[in-house]
Protein backbone atom coordinates (compact mmCIF):
# COMPACT_ATOMS: atom_id res chain seq x y z
CA MET A 1 -2.59 -26.49 8.59
CA LYS A 2 0.82 -24.91 7.43
CA ILE A 3 0.68 -23.54 3.75
CA ILE A 4 4.00 -24.12 2.47
CA ALA A 5 5.01 -22.10 -0.66
CA GLY A 6 8.45 -22.43 -2.59
CA VAL A 7 10.01 -19.97 -4.88
CA ASP A 8 12.66 -19.90 -7.39
CA GLU A 9 13.65 -17.83 -10.39
CA ALA A 10 15.09 -18.22 -13.98
CA GLY A 11 16.97 -16.53 -16.33
CA ARG A 12 19.54 -14.64 -14.00
CA GLY A 13 22.54 -15.48 -16.08
CA SER A 14 21.08 -14.85 -19.25
CA LEU A 15 22.19 -11.75 -21.79
CA ILE A 16 18.46 -11.16 -22.85
CA GLY A 17 14.92 -10.70 -21.61
CA PRO A 18 13.31 -10.72 -18.23
CA VAL A 19 13.92 -12.52 -15.25
CA TYR A 20 11.42 -14.70 -14.26
CA ALA A 21 10.04 -16.29 -10.71
CA ALA A 22 7.43 -18.85 -9.75
CA ALA A 23 5.80 -19.43 -6.50
CA VAL A 24 4.25 -22.76 -5.82
CA ILE A 25 2.02 -24.38 -3.06
CA LEU A 26 2.05 -27.97 -3.70
CA ASN A 27 -1.23 -29.99 -3.30
CA LYS A 28 -1.05 -33.06 -0.85
CA SER A 29 -1.78 -35.37 -3.85
CA ILE A 30 1.14 -34.30 -5.88
CA LYS A 31 4.05 -36.93 -6.25
CA LYS A 32 6.94 -35.14 -4.87
CA LYS A 33 9.55 -37.74 -6.12
CA LEU A 34 8.94 -36.38 -9.69
CA LEU A 35 10.15 -32.81 -8.81
CA LYS A 36 13.66 -31.85 -9.22
CA ASP A 37 15.73 -28.84 -10.11
CA SER A 38 14.92 -27.76 -13.46
CA LYS A 39 18.32 -27.70 -14.65
CA LEU A 40 18.70 -31.44 -13.71
CA ILE A 41 15.91 -32.56 -16.13
CA THR A 42 15.19 -32.42 -20.09
CA LYS A 43 13.36 -29.89 -21.65
CA ASN A 44 10.47 -32.20 -22.56
CA ARG A 45 10.18 -33.47 -18.90
CA ARG A 46 10.30 -29.84 -17.68
CA GLU A 47 7.27 -28.97 -19.99
CA TYR A 48 5.48 -32.24 -18.96
CA LEU A 49 6.14 -31.70 -15.11
CA SER A 50 4.96 -27.91 -15.51
CA LYS A 51 1.85 -28.71 -16.69
CA TYR A 52 1.53 -31.53 -13.95
CA ILE A 53 2.43 -29.03 -11.15
CA LYS A 54 0.06 -26.38 -12.64
CA LYS A 55 -2.92 -28.93 -12.39
CA ASN A 56 -1.82 -30.09 -8.67
CA SER A 57 -0.96 -26.67 -7.01
CA ILE A 58 -1.51 -23.03 -6.28
CA TRP A 59 0.88 -21.33 -8.47
CA ALA A 60 1.94 -17.75 -9.96
CA THR A 61 4.65 -16.19 -11.87
CA GLY A 62 6.27 -12.88 -11.88
CA ARG A 63 8.94 -11.13 -13.66
CA ALA A 64 11.28 -8.08 -13.91
CA SER A 65 12.06 -6.37 -17.03
CA VAL A 66 15.16 -5.66 -18.94
CA ARG A 67 14.85 -2.10 -17.84
CA GLU A 68 14.24 -3.15 -14.41
CA ILE A 69 17.33 -5.32 -14.46
CA GLU A 70 19.57 -2.56 -15.93
CA LYS A 71 18.42 0.07 -13.12
CA ILE A 72 18.15 -1.96 -10.00
CA ASN A 73 20.79 -4.89 -10.91
CA ILE A 74 19.77 -8.70 -11.77
CA LEU A 75 20.00 -9.77 -8.03
CA GLN A 76 17.27 -7.11 -6.98
CA ALA A 77 15.44 -7.61 -10.12
CA SER A 78 15.15 -11.40 -9.24
CA LEU A 79 13.87 -10.59 -5.75
CA LEU A 80 11.25 -8.23 -7.28
CA ALA A 81 9.94 -11.04 -9.45
CA MET A 82 10.01 -13.17 -6.79
CA LYS A 83 7.88 -10.80 -4.58
CA ARG A 84 5.63 -10.27 -7.44
CA ALA A 85 4.95 -14.04 -7.95
CA ILE A 86 4.30 -14.51 -4.02
CA LEU A 87 1.85 -11.56 -4.04
CA LYS A 88 -0.01 -13.09 -6.95
CA LEU A 89 -0.61 -16.48 -5.12
CA LYS A 90 -4.59 -17.14 -4.77
CA LYS A 91 -3.71 -18.03 -0.98
CA LYS A 92 -1.29 -16.69 1.45
CA PRO A 93 1.41 -18.92 2.71
CA SER A 94 2.14 -19.56 6.35
CA ILE A 95 6.07 -20.01 5.37
CA VAL A 96 7.64 -19.03 2.05
CA PHE A 97 10.96 -21.00 1.09
CA ILE A 98 13.13 -18.98 -1.17
CA ASP A 99 15.81 -20.65 -3.08
CA GLY A 100 19.30 -18.82 -2.55
CA ASN A 101 20.89 -16.79 0.23
CA GLN A 102 18.67 -13.45 -0.28
CA LEU A 103 15.23 -12.72 0.53
CA PRO A 104 12.72 -10.33 -1.23
CA ASN A 105 11.46 -7.25 0.70
CA LEU A 106 8.12 -8.32 1.72
CA LYS A 107 6.43 -7.25 4.95
CA ASN A 108 3.92 -9.32 6.93
CA TYR A 109 5.12 -12.96 5.19
CA ASN A 110 7.39 -15.64 7.07
CA LEU A 111 10.30 -15.83 4.54
CA LYS A 112 13.31 -18.33 4.80
CA LYS A 113 16.14 -18.61 2.68
CA ILE A 114 17.42 -21.82 1.27
CA ILE A 115 20.76 -22.43 -0.54
CA ARG A 116 20.09 -25.06 -3.06
CA GLY A 117 16.63 -25.05 -2.21
CA ASP A 118 15.77 -26.45 -5.53
CA GLN A 119 17.36 -29.64 -4.57
CA LYS A 120 16.08 -29.88 -1.23
CA ILE A 121 12.33 -28.58 -0.95
CA PRO A 122 9.88 -29.99 -3.65
CA SER A 123 7.76 -26.80 -3.64
CA ILE A 124 10.92 -24.84 -4.69
CA ALA A 125 11.91 -27.41 -7.40
CA ALA A 126 8.31 -26.94 -8.52
CA ALA A 127 8.53 -23.13 -8.80
CA SER A 128 12.06 -23.88 -10.45
CA ILE A 129 10.40 -25.74 -13.19
CA ILE A 130 7.46 -23.32 -13.78
CA ALA A 131 9.83 -20.37 -13.86
CA LYS A 132 12.09 -21.96 -16.51
CA VAL A 133 9.27 -23.32 -18.87
CA SER A 134 7.49 -19.89 -18.59
CA ARG A 135 10.72 -17.99 -19.64
CA ASP A 136 11.66 -20.42 -22.04
CA LYS A 137 8.30 -19.79 -23.72
CA PHE A 138 8.67 -16.16 -23.77
CA ILE A 139 12.28 -16.15 -25.09
CA THR A 140 11.25 -18.63 -27.63
CA THR A 141 8.67 -16.15 -29.02
CA LEU A 142 11.29 -13.45 -29.17
CA ALA A 143 13.57 -15.90 -31.12
CA ASN A 144 10.80 -15.79 -33.87
CA THR A 145 11.02 -12.19 -34.21
CA ASN A 146 14.77 -11.66 -33.66
CA LYS A 147 16.36 -14.25 -36.38
CA GLY A 148 19.78 -15.12 -36.32
CA TYR A 149 20.44 -14.91 -32.39
CA PHE A 150 19.26 -18.70 -31.91
CA TRP A 151 17.54 -17.78 -28.79
CA ASN A 152 15.17 -20.87 -29.32
CA ARG A 153 18.31 -23.10 -28.52
CA ASN A 154 20.50 -20.69 -26.41
CA PHE A 155 17.51 -18.73 -24.47
CA GLY A 156 19.91 -15.73 -24.41
CA TYR A 157 22.90 -17.24 -22.55
CA GLY A 158 26.10 -16.32 -23.80
CA THR A 159 27.02 -19.22 -26.14
CA LYS A 160 29.52 -18.67 -28.97
CA LYS A 161 26.95 -18.57 -31.58
CA HIS A 162 25.00 -15.99 -29.53
CA LEU A 163 28.03 -13.70 -29.14
CA ARG A 164 29.05 -14.23 -32.74
CA ALA A 165 25.45 -13.15 -33.89
CA ILE A 166 25.71 -10.01 -31.51
CA LYS A 167 28.78 -8.75 -33.14
CA LYS A 168 27.26 -9.67 -36.53
CA LEU A 169 23.54 -8.34 -36.30
CA GLY A 170 23.89 -5.83 -33.21
CA ILE A 171 22.54 -5.45 -29.85
CA THR A 172 18.60 -5.59 -29.58
CA SER A 173 16.34 -3.84 -27.16
CA HIS A 174 16.03 -7.17 -25.26
CA HIS A 175 19.66 -7.35 -24.61
CA ARG A 176 20.90 -6.62 -20.98
CA LYS A 177 23.08 -3.55 -21.67
CA THR A 178 24.70 -3.53 -18.22
CA PHE A 179 25.80 -7.25 -18.74
CA SER A 180 29.31 -8.18 -19.66
CA PRO A 181 30.18 -8.90 -22.39
CA ILE A 182 27.16 -6.81 -23.99
CA SER A 183 28.37 -3.72 -21.74
CA LEU A 184 31.89 -4.34 -23.45
CA ILE A 185 30.93 -4.56 -26.96
CA ASN A 186 31.10 -1.34 -28.89
CA ILE A 187 28.35 -1.84 -31.69
CA PRO A 188 25.61 0.25 -32.61
CA LYS A 189 22.05 -0.97 -31.40
CA LYS A 190 19.94 -2.85 -33.64
CA HIS A 191 16.92 -0.89 -34.63
CA ASN A 192 13.77 -2.87 -34.34
CA ILE A 193 12.37 -5.12 -32.28
């Protein structure tokens, strides 16, 4: 019997924090019609579905840190997070469907890239949901100790409020310094954090 895993990442375009990935092997009993690209559903629905998927699948998450993103670039860090998620699965899949047009460097695995896979393959959609919910929870905890950046609402993306806060409060250790506009802002780093 073929064991199919789907893999997707979350947080690639954010200005802060790690990039997350999830790998998911769905149980046969799961209702695949419920699974959609995480960007197309509400926060509450994502959180509900994340719990549902976790109960009805084998899953794992991986992440790559801000330091790794700055060292190897966001694409390579995303692929590294995916590789970590795949390797953490409790069962080795027969085939791994990866969202996007690049594959992680992983020997002895049958990997297949699928552009817009989160809209085509239920296990990739499930992975997109788990990755997004996992990352959002982590960023929300960062928001609690980094007031004024509104990370609990913008999750580190470059909204007007976030960019104004950076100019006013400074750059934190959680910001990706190699990302524009962070790399272009001439502000002393905020001590903390």
